[in-house]
N, C-alpha and C. Protein backbone atom coordinates (compact mmCIF):
# COMPACT_ATOMS: atom_id res chain seq x y z
N MET A 1 146.37 123.75 49.11
CA MET A 1 145.13 123.22 49.49
C MET A 1 144.25 124.42 49.64
N ALA A 2 142.99 124.23 49.38
CA ALA A 2 141.95 125.22 49.34
C ALA A 2 141.31 125.35 50.76
N ASN A 3 140.95 126.56 51.02
CA ASN A 3 140.28 126.67 52.42
C ASN A 3 138.78 126.39 52.20
N LEU A 4 138.25 125.60 53.05
CA LEU A 4 136.92 125.12 53.01
C LEU A 4 136.11 125.88 54.07
N GLN A 5 134.89 126.33 53.75
CA GLN A 5 133.92 126.94 54.64
C GLN A 5 132.66 126.28 54.74
N SER A 6 132.12 126.00 55.79
CA SER A 6 130.86 125.44 55.76
C SER A 6 129.68 126.48 55.59
N VAL A 7 128.71 126.18 54.81
CA VAL A 7 127.67 127.23 54.52
C VAL A 7 126.49 126.64 55.25
N PRO A 8 125.92 127.51 56.11
CA PRO A 8 124.64 127.07 56.92
C PRO A 8 123.53 126.78 55.99
N LYS A 9 122.80 125.72 56.30
CA LYS A 9 121.62 125.37 55.54
C LYS A 9 120.53 126.24 55.88
N GLU A 10 119.81 126.80 54.89
CA GLU A 10 118.71 127.57 55.09
C GLU A 10 117.44 126.82 55.18
N PRO A 11 116.50 127.14 55.99
CA PRO A 11 115.18 126.39 56.06
C PRO A 11 114.44 126.46 54.82
N GLU A 12 113.78 125.39 54.49
CA GLU A 12 113.09 125.39 53.27
C GLU A 12 111.84 126.33 53.14
N SER A 13 111.18 126.42 54.20
CA SER A 13 109.98 127.24 54.36
C SER A 13 110.21 128.40 55.33
N GLY A 14 109.44 129.44 55.30
CA GLY A 14 109.58 130.52 56.23
C GLY A 14 109.24 130.36 57.65
N GLU A 15 108.28 129.41 57.87
CA GLU A 15 107.94 129.10 59.29
C GLU A 15 108.41 127.65 59.59
N THR A 16 108.67 127.49 60.88
CA THR A 16 108.96 126.10 61.37
C THR A 16 107.70 125.58 62.05
N PRO A 17 107.57 124.24 62.09
CA PRO A 17 106.39 123.74 62.56
C PRO A 17 106.20 124.01 64.12
N ASP A 18 107.18 124.33 64.87
CA ASP A 18 107.11 124.62 66.25
C ASP A 18 106.36 125.94 66.44
N THR A 19 106.64 126.94 65.71
CA THR A 19 106.02 128.21 65.91
C THR A 19 104.61 128.32 65.46
N ALA A 20 104.17 127.44 64.57
CA ALA A 20 102.93 127.52 64.12
C ALA A 20 101.85 126.99 65.07
N ALA A 21 102.24 126.00 65.76
CA ALA A 21 101.35 125.33 66.76
C ALA A 21 101.32 126.14 68.04
N THR A 22 102.29 126.87 68.38
CA THR A 22 102.36 127.43 69.76
C THR A 22 101.39 128.67 69.96
N GLY A 23 100.82 129.08 68.85
CA GLY A 23 99.93 130.31 68.91
C GLY A 23 98.62 129.79 69.53
N THR A 24 98.11 128.70 69.30
CA THR A 24 96.85 128.24 69.82
C THR A 24 96.93 127.15 70.82
N LEU A 25 97.98 126.42 70.90
CA LEU A 25 98.13 125.33 71.90
C LEU A 25 98.15 125.79 73.32
N PRO A 26 98.89 126.84 73.65
CA PRO A 26 98.87 127.19 75.06
C PRO A 26 97.51 127.67 75.62
N ILE A 27 96.65 128.25 74.70
CA ILE A 27 95.32 128.59 75.22
C ILE A 27 94.52 127.34 75.62
N TRP A 28 94.55 126.33 74.77
CA TRP A 28 93.88 125.09 75.19
C TRP A 28 94.50 124.45 76.39
N GLN A 29 95.78 124.49 76.55
CA GLN A 29 96.42 123.96 77.75
C GLN A 29 96.02 124.73 78.95
N TRP A 30 95.91 126.06 78.89
CA TRP A 30 95.44 126.76 80.07
C TRP A 30 93.94 126.50 80.30
N LEU A 31 93.20 126.32 79.32
CA LEU A 31 91.73 125.91 79.61
C LEU A 31 91.58 124.60 80.25
N VAL A 32 92.23 123.72 79.63
CA VAL A 32 92.18 122.22 80.27
C VAL A 32 92.75 122.23 81.62
N GLY A 33 93.91 122.91 81.86
CA GLY A 33 94.42 122.97 83.13
C GLY A 33 93.56 123.73 84.16
N ALA A 34 92.87 124.94 83.72
CA ALA A 34 91.97 125.44 84.60
C ALA A 34 90.81 124.59 85.05
N VAL A 35 90.27 123.78 84.03
CA VAL A 35 89.18 123.01 84.33
C VAL A 35 89.57 121.85 85.31
N LEU A 36 90.79 121.40 85.13
CA LEU A 36 91.18 120.28 86.03
C LEU A 36 91.53 120.76 87.38
N VAL A 37 92.01 121.98 87.59
CA VAL A 37 92.25 122.58 88.87
C VAL A 37 90.91 122.80 89.62
N VAL A 38 89.84 123.37 88.82
CA VAL A 38 88.57 123.59 89.46
C VAL A 38 87.99 122.23 89.89
N ALA A 39 88.13 121.24 89.07
CA ALA A 39 87.51 119.93 89.35
C ALA A 39 88.15 119.36 90.69
N LEU A 40 89.36 119.37 90.54
CA LEU A 40 90.15 118.82 91.75
C LEU A 40 90.00 119.60 93.00
N GLY A 41 89.95 120.91 92.93
CA GLY A 41 89.71 121.73 94.09
C GLY A 41 88.38 121.49 94.64
N SER A 42 87.28 121.45 93.81
CA SER A 42 85.99 121.19 94.37
C SER A 42 85.88 119.86 94.97
N TRP A 43 86.53 118.88 94.36
CA TRP A 43 86.43 117.55 94.89
C TRP A 43 87.15 117.51 96.33
N LEU A 44 88.20 118.20 96.41
CA LEU A 44 88.95 118.26 97.79
C LEU A 44 88.13 118.86 98.84
N VAL A 45 87.39 119.93 98.33
CA VAL A 45 86.51 120.69 99.24
C VAL A 45 85.40 119.77 99.80
N TRP A 46 84.82 119.07 98.79
CA TRP A 46 83.79 118.19 99.26
C TRP A 46 84.30 116.99 100.11
N LEU A 47 85.40 116.45 99.82
CA LEU A 47 86.02 115.44 100.67
C LEU A 47 86.29 115.91 102.01
N SER A 48 86.92 117.09 102.19
CA SER A 48 87.19 117.54 103.47
C SER A 48 85.95 117.78 104.32
N ALA A 49 84.97 118.35 103.76
CA ALA A 49 83.61 118.50 104.36
C ALA A 49 83.08 117.24 104.76
N TYR A 50 83.10 116.14 103.88
CA TYR A 50 82.56 114.82 104.34
C TYR A 50 83.38 114.22 105.45
N VAL A 51 84.68 114.28 105.34
CA VAL A 51 85.49 113.74 106.40
C VAL A 51 85.23 114.39 107.81
N GLN A 52 85.19 115.72 107.65
CA GLN A 52 84.87 116.48 108.97
C GLN A 52 83.59 116.08 109.51
N ARG A 53 82.51 115.97 108.71
CA ARG A 53 81.26 115.71 109.16
C ARG A 53 81.27 114.27 109.86
N MET A 54 82.02 113.34 109.15
CA MET A 54 82.06 112.05 109.73
C MET A 54 82.87 112.00 111.11
N PHE A 55 83.71 112.73 111.25
CA PHE A 55 84.56 112.84 112.56
C PHE A 55 83.68 113.40 113.67
N ILE A 56 82.93 114.54 113.29
CA ILE A 56 82.05 115.11 114.23
C ILE A 56 80.91 114.21 114.71
N GLU A 57 80.39 113.47 113.68
CA GLU A 57 79.34 112.58 114.08
C GLU A 57 79.80 111.45 114.94
N GLU A 58 81.08 110.99 114.70
CA GLU A 58 81.57 109.88 115.47
C GLU A 58 81.85 110.35 116.91
N GLU A 59 82.29 111.63 117.04
CA GLU A 59 82.55 112.19 118.43
C GLU A 59 81.12 112.37 119.17
N ILE A 60 80.15 112.83 118.44
CA ILE A 60 78.75 112.94 119.10
C ILE A 60 78.27 111.52 119.53
N ARG A 61 78.48 110.58 118.63
CA ARG A 61 77.96 109.22 118.92
C ARG A 61 78.76 108.69 120.17
N GLY A 62 79.98 108.88 120.18
CA GLY A 62 80.83 108.43 121.41
C GLY A 62 80.30 109.09 122.72
N ALA A 63 80.13 110.31 122.56
CA ALA A 63 79.65 111.14 123.80
C ALA A 63 78.31 110.61 124.22
N CYS A 64 77.46 110.46 123.26
CA CYS A 64 76.10 110.00 123.60
C CYS A 64 76.19 108.49 124.13
N GLN A 65 77.03 107.75 123.61
CA GLN A 65 77.12 106.35 124.19
C GLN A 65 77.61 106.38 125.69
N ARG A 66 78.51 107.34 126.03
CA ARG A 66 78.94 107.37 127.42
C ARG A 66 77.83 107.94 128.31
N VAL A 67 77.01 108.96 127.76
CA VAL A 67 76.07 109.59 128.61
C VAL A 67 74.70 108.84 128.65
N MET A 68 74.27 108.45 127.52
CA MET A 68 72.94 107.85 127.46
C MET A 68 73.11 106.48 126.64
N PRO A 69 73.59 105.45 127.21
CA PRO A 69 73.84 104.16 126.47
C PRO A 69 72.51 103.58 125.95
N ASP A 70 71.46 103.85 126.55
CA ASP A 70 70.20 103.07 126.15
C ASP A 70 69.54 103.83 124.99
N THR A 71 69.70 105.17 124.80
CA THR A 71 69.05 105.80 123.67
C THR A 71 70.12 106.55 122.92
N VAL A 72 71.04 105.91 122.31
CA VAL A 72 72.14 106.58 121.58
C VAL A 72 71.63 107.27 120.25
N GLN A 73 70.82 106.66 119.60
CA GLN A 73 70.45 107.27 118.26
C GLN A 73 69.58 108.51 118.49
N ARG A 74 68.70 108.44 119.53
CA ARG A 74 67.97 109.60 119.89
C ARG A 74 68.82 110.78 120.25
N CYS A 75 69.86 110.48 121.07
CA CYS A 75 70.71 111.53 121.56
C CYS A 75 71.48 112.13 120.39
N VAL A 76 71.93 111.25 119.55
CA VAL A 76 72.72 111.81 118.33
C VAL A 76 71.80 112.68 117.52
N ASP A 77 70.66 112.21 117.21
CA ASP A 77 69.68 113.01 116.46
C ASP A 77 69.46 114.41 117.15
N THR A 78 69.21 114.40 118.50
CA THR A 78 69.01 115.61 119.16
C THR A 78 70.12 116.57 119.16
N VAL A 79 71.28 116.09 119.27
CA VAL A 79 72.60 116.91 119.24
C VAL A 79 72.75 117.52 117.87
N VAL A 80 72.54 116.71 116.89
CA VAL A 80 72.77 117.16 115.49
C VAL A 80 71.73 118.26 115.20
N ILE A 81 70.46 118.08 115.58
CA ILE A 81 69.47 119.13 115.29
C ILE A 81 69.76 120.43 116.07
N GLN A 82 70.22 120.23 117.35
CA GLN A 82 70.58 121.41 118.20
C GLN A 82 71.70 122.24 117.56
N ARG A 83 72.64 121.52 116.90
CA ARG A 83 73.81 122.25 116.34
C ARG A 83 73.42 122.84 114.95
N GLY A 84 72.25 122.53 114.44
CA GLY A 84 71.82 123.25 113.26
C GLY A 84 72.07 122.46 111.96
N GLY A 85 72.40 121.26 112.15
CA GLY A 85 72.72 120.35 110.92
C GLY A 85 71.64 119.35 110.76
N ALA A 86 71.32 118.99 109.58
CA ALA A 86 70.39 117.97 109.30
C ALA A 86 71.17 116.65 109.04
N ARG A 87 70.87 115.65 109.80
CA ARG A 87 71.47 114.45 109.70
C ARG A 87 71.16 113.65 108.43
N ARG A 88 69.84 113.63 108.21
CA ARG A 88 69.46 112.79 106.97
C ARG A 88 68.89 113.57 105.81
C-alpha cells in the first residue's frame, strides 16, 4: 500500500476578504460609536437636569402649600427667583 499525504490547499488570491475590509471598517465603527456615546451622554445629562428640576419644584410647591396655602403660585415664583433660577 502506498502512503498518502494530504496537501494543504493554497488560497487562490494573495488577500483574504477579511483582511481587506478591516483596514477601514474599525475607523467607521469608532466614529459611529463615538457619536452614539456623545448623543446618549448628552441626553442622559439633559434628563437628569430635567428630573432634578422637577423634584426641586415639587418640593418648593409642597413647602409653599404648607406655609402659604392661599398664594401658592406666588410663593413658588418668589422662591425660584430668589434661588436664581428662571421658572418660565
